[in-house]
Amino acid sequence: MDLCPFSFLCLLISRYFMMILISTLLLDLFSCKFTVFESV
């Protein structure tokens, strides 16, 4: 039974990490688009 909370915590951390990763990628993509628009 000790493994259950640990796996839940691991899942939570991995989800949180994925959210941060995706938001960072989106932010980079948007900033890249903005720089392209500014240069044009």
PDB file of N, CA and C in Angstrom:
ATOM      1  N   MET A   1       0.825  -1.208   0.000  1.00  0.00           N
ATOM      2  CA  MET A   1       0.000   0.000   0.000  1.00  0.00           C
ATOM      3  C   MET A   1       0.866   1.267   0.000  1.00  0.00           C
ATOM      4  N   ASP A   2       2.106   1.122   0.380  1.00  0.00           N
ATOM      5  CA  ASP A   2       2.982   2.287   0.425  1.00  0.00           C
ATOM      6  C   ASP A   2       3.325   2.796  -0.978  1.00  0.00           C
ATOM      7  N   LEU A   3       3.194   1.919  -1.936  1.00  0.00           N
ATOM      8  CA  LEU A   3       3.551   2.280  -3.303  1.00  0.00           C
ATOM      9  C   LEU A   3       2.485   3.182  -3.940  1.00  0.00           C
ATOM     10  N   CYS A   4       1.252   3.071  -3.506  1.00  0.00           N
ATOM     11  CA  CYS A   4       0.152   3.818  -4.110  1.00  0.00           C
ATOM     12  C   CYS A   4       0.322   5.341  -4.017  1.00  0.00           C
ATOM     13  N   PRO A   5       0.552   5.910  -2.839  1.00  0.00           N
ATOM     14  CA  PRO A   5       0.727   7.365  -2.768  1.00  0.00           C
ATOM     15  C   PRO A   5       1.964   7.830  -3.529  1.00  0.00           C
ATOM     16  N   PHE A   6       2.987   6.996  -3.523  1.00  0.00           N
ATOM     17  CA  PHE A   6       4.220   7.372  -4.206  1.00  0.00           C
ATOM     18  C   PHE A   6       3.996   7.455  -5.713  1.00  0.00           C
ATOM     19  N   SER A   7       3.289   6.481  -6.260  1.00  0.00           N
ATOM     20  CA  SER A   7       3.015   6.491  -7.702  1.00  0.00           C
ATOM     21  C   SER A   7       2.110   7.665  -8.065  1.00  0.00           C
ATOM     22  N   PHE A   8       1.162   7.975  -7.175  1.00  0.00           N
ATOM     23  CA  PHE A   8       0.285   9.119  -7.411  1.00  0.00           C
ATOM     24  C   PHE A   8       1.095  10.411  -7.433  1.00  0.00           C
ATOM     25  N   LEU A   9       2.025  10.524  -6.495  1.00  0.00           N
ATOM     26  CA  LEU A   9       2.885  11.704  -6.428  1.00  0.00           C
ATOM     27  C   LEU A   9       3.751  11.800  -7.678  1.00  0.00           C
ATOM     28  N   CYS A  10       4.255  10.670  -8.111  1.00  0.00           N
ATOM     29  CA  CYS A  10       5.087  10.633  -9.314  1.00  0.00           C
ATOM     30  C   CYS A  10       4.281  11.082 -10.535  1.00  0.00           C
ATOM     31  N   LEU A  11       3.054  10.607 -10.627  1.00  0.00           N
ATOM     32  CA  LEU A  11       2.179  10.995 -11.725  1.00  0.00           C
ATOM     33  C   LEU A  11       1.902  12.497 -11.688  1.00  0.00           C
ATOM     34  N   LEU A  12       1.641  13.008 -10.510  1.00  0.00           N
ATOM     35  CA  LEU A  12       1.366  14.432 -10.347  1.00  0.00           C
ATOM     36  C   LEU A  12       2.563  15.269 -10.783  1.00  0.00           C
ATOM     37  N   ILE A  13       3.744  14.864 -10.356  1.00  0.00           N
ATOM     38  CA  ILE A  13       4.967  15.587 -10.707  1.00  0.00           C
ATOM     39  C   ILE A  13       5.219  15.526 -12.208  1.00  0.00           C
ATOM     40  N   SER A  14       5.008  14.372 -12.801  1.00  0.00           N
ATOM     41  CA  SER A  14       5.238  14.242 -14.244  1.00  0.00           C
ATOM     42  C   SER A  14       4.242  15.097 -15.028  1.00  0.00           C
ATOM     43  N   ARG A  15       3.008  15.158 -14.566  1.00  0.00           N
ATOM     44  CA  ARG A  15       2.008  16.000 -15.229  1.00  0.00           C
ATOM     45  C   ARG A  15       2.380  17.468 -15.108  1.00  0.00           C
ATOM     46  N   TYR A  16       2.797  17.857 -13.921  1.00  0.00           N
ATOM     47  CA  TYR A  16       3.200  19.240 -13.682  1.00  0.00           C
ATOM     48  C   TYR A  16       4.385  19.603 -14.570  1.00  0.00           C
ATOM     49  N   PHE A  17       5.331  18.685 -14.679  1.00  0.00           N
ATOM     50  CA  PHE A  17       6.520  18.902 -15.505  1.00  0.00           C
ATOM     51  C   PHE A  17       6.130  19.034 -16.981  1.00  0.00           C
ATOM     52  N   MET A  18       5.207  18.190 -17.430  1.00  0.00           N
ATOM     53  CA  MET A  18       4.756  18.253 -18.823  1.00  0.00           C
ATOM     54  C   MET A  18       4.046  19.571 -19.108  1.00  0.00           C
ATOM     55  N   MET A  19       3.250  20.047 -18.160  1.00  0.00           N
ATOM     56  CA  MET A  19       2.571  21.329 -18.322  1.00  0.00           C
ATOM     57  C   MET A  19       3.571  22.462 -18.478  1.00  0.00           C
ATOM     58  N   ILE A  20       4.605  22.445 -17.649  1.00  0.00           N
ATOM     59  CA  ILE A  20       5.644  23.475 -17.712  1.00  0.00           C
ATOM     60  C   ILE A  20       6.384  23.395 -19.042  1.00  0.00           C
ATOM     61  N   LEU A  21       6.686  22.181 -19.459  1.00  0.00           N
ATOM     62  CA  LEU A  21       7.409  21.986 -20.718  1.00  0.00           C
ATOM     63  C   LEU A  21       6.583  22.496 -21.905  1.00  0.00           C
ATOM     64  N   ILE A  22       5.311  22.140 -21.948  1.00  0.00           N
ATOM     65  CA  ILE A  22       4.432  22.558 -23.044  1.00  0.00           C
ATOM     66  C   ILE A  22       4.247  24.072 -23.043  1.00  0.00           C
ATOM     67  N   SER A  23       4.046  24.658 -21.881  1.00  0.00           N
ATOM     68  CA  SER A  23       3.865  26.111 -21.820  1.00  0.00           C
ATOM     69  C   SER A  23       5.133  26.840 -22.246  1.00  0.00           C
ATOM     70  N   THR A  24       6.287  26.281 -21.889  1.00  0.00           N
ATOM     71  CA  THR A  24       7.556  26.891 -22.294  1.00  0.00           C
ATOM     72  C   THR A  24       7.724  26.817 -23.807  1.00  0.00           C
ATOM     73  N   LEU A  25       7.375  25.674 -24.385  1.00  0.00           N
ATOM     74  CA  LEU A  25       7.470  25.519 -25.838  1.00  0.00           C
ATOM     75  C   LEU A  25       6.522  26.476 -26.549  1.00  0.00           C
ATOM     76  N   LEU A  26       5.305  26.617 -26.022  1.00  0.00           N
ATOM     77  CA  LEU A  26       4.340  27.534 -26.624  1.00  0.00           C
ATOM     78  C   LEU A  26       4.827  28.973 -26.533  1.00  0.00           C
ATOM     79  N   LEU A  27       5.396  29.306 -25.399  1.00  0.00           N
ATOM     80  CA  LEU A  27       5.911  30.658 -25.209  1.00  0.00           C
ATOM     81  C   LEU A  27       7.034  30.945 -26.199  1.00  0.00           C
ATOM     82  N   ASP A  28       7.918  29.983 -26.382  1.00  0.00           N
ATOM     83  CA  ASP A  28       9.014  30.143 -27.347  1.00  0.00           C
ATOM     84  C   ASP A  28       8.464  30.295 -28.765  1.00  0.00           C
ATOM     85  N   LEU A  29       7.458  29.519 -29.072  1.00  0.00           N
ATOM     86  CA  LEU A  29       6.853  29.583 -30.402  1.00  0.00           C
ATOM     87  C   LEU A  29       6.228  30.958 -30.643  1.00  0.00           C
ATOM     88  N   PHE A  30       5.495  31.462 -29.658  1.00  0.00           N
ATOM     89  CA  PHE A  30       4.856  32.768 -29.794  1.00  0.00           C
ATOM     90  C   PHE A  30       5.881  33.885 -29.909  1.00  0.00           C
ATOM     91  N   SER A  31       6.923  33.820 -29.120  1.00  0.00           N
ATOM     92  CA  SER A  31       7.951  34.863 -29.183  1.00  0.00           C
ATOM     93  C   SER A  31       8.664  34.823 -30.527  1.00  0.00           C
ATOM     94  N   CYS A  32       8.836  33.619 -31.077  1.00  0.00           N
ATOM     95  CA  CYS A  32       9.463  33.479 -32.393  1.00  0.00           C
ATOM     96  C   CYS A  32       8.566  34.111 -33.459  1.00  0.00           C
ATOM     97  N   LYS A  33       7.273  33.872 -33.378  1.00  0.00           N
ATOM     98  CA  LYS A  33       6.332  34.462 -34.332  1.00  0.00           C
ATOM     99  C   LYS A  33       6.344  35.983 -34.218  1.00  0.00           C
ATOM    100  N   PHE A  34       6.400  36.482 -33.000  1.00  0.00           N
ATOM    101  CA  PHE A  34       6.401  37.929 -32.800  1.00  0.00           C
ATOM    102  C   PHE A  34       7.654  38.561 -33.388  1.00  0.00           C
ATOM    103  N   THR A  35       8.782  37.898 -33.233  1.00  0.00           N
ATOM    104  CA  THR A  35      10.023  38.451 -33.791  1.00  0.00           C
ATOM    105  C   THR A  35       9.965  38.439 -35.312  1.00  0.00           C
ATOM    106  N   VAL A  36       9.345  37.409 -35.880  1.00  0.00           N
ATOM    107  CA  VAL A  36       9.197  37.329 -37.339  1.00  0.00           C
ATOM    108  C   VAL A  36       8.293  38.472 -37.810  1.00  0.00           C
ATOM    109  N   PHE A  37       7.214  38.731 -37.080  1.00  0.00           N
ATOM    110  CA  PHE A  37       6.299  39.808 -37.452  1.00  0.00           C
ATOM    111  C   PHE A  37       6.984  41.165 -37.336  1.00  0.00           C
ATOM    112  N   GLU A  38       7.822  41.328 -36.326  1.00  0.00           N
ATOM    113  CA  GLU A  38       8.510  42.600 -36.130  1.00  0.00           C
ATOM    114  C   GLU A  38       9.536  42.849 -37.221  1.00  0.00           C
ATOM    115  N   SER A  39      10.195  41.799 -37.657  1.00  0.00           N
ATOM    116  CA  SER A  39      11.231  41.962 -38.685  1.00  0.00           C
ATOM    117  C   SER A  39      10.614  42.266 -40.056  1.00  0.00           C
ATOM    118  N   VAL A  40       9.354  41.864 -40.241  1.00  0.00           N
ATOM    119  CA  VAL A  40       8.678  42.114 -41.530  1.00  0.00           C
ATOM    120  C   VAL A  40       8.073  43.507 -41.569  1.00  0.00           C
TER     121      VAL A  40
END
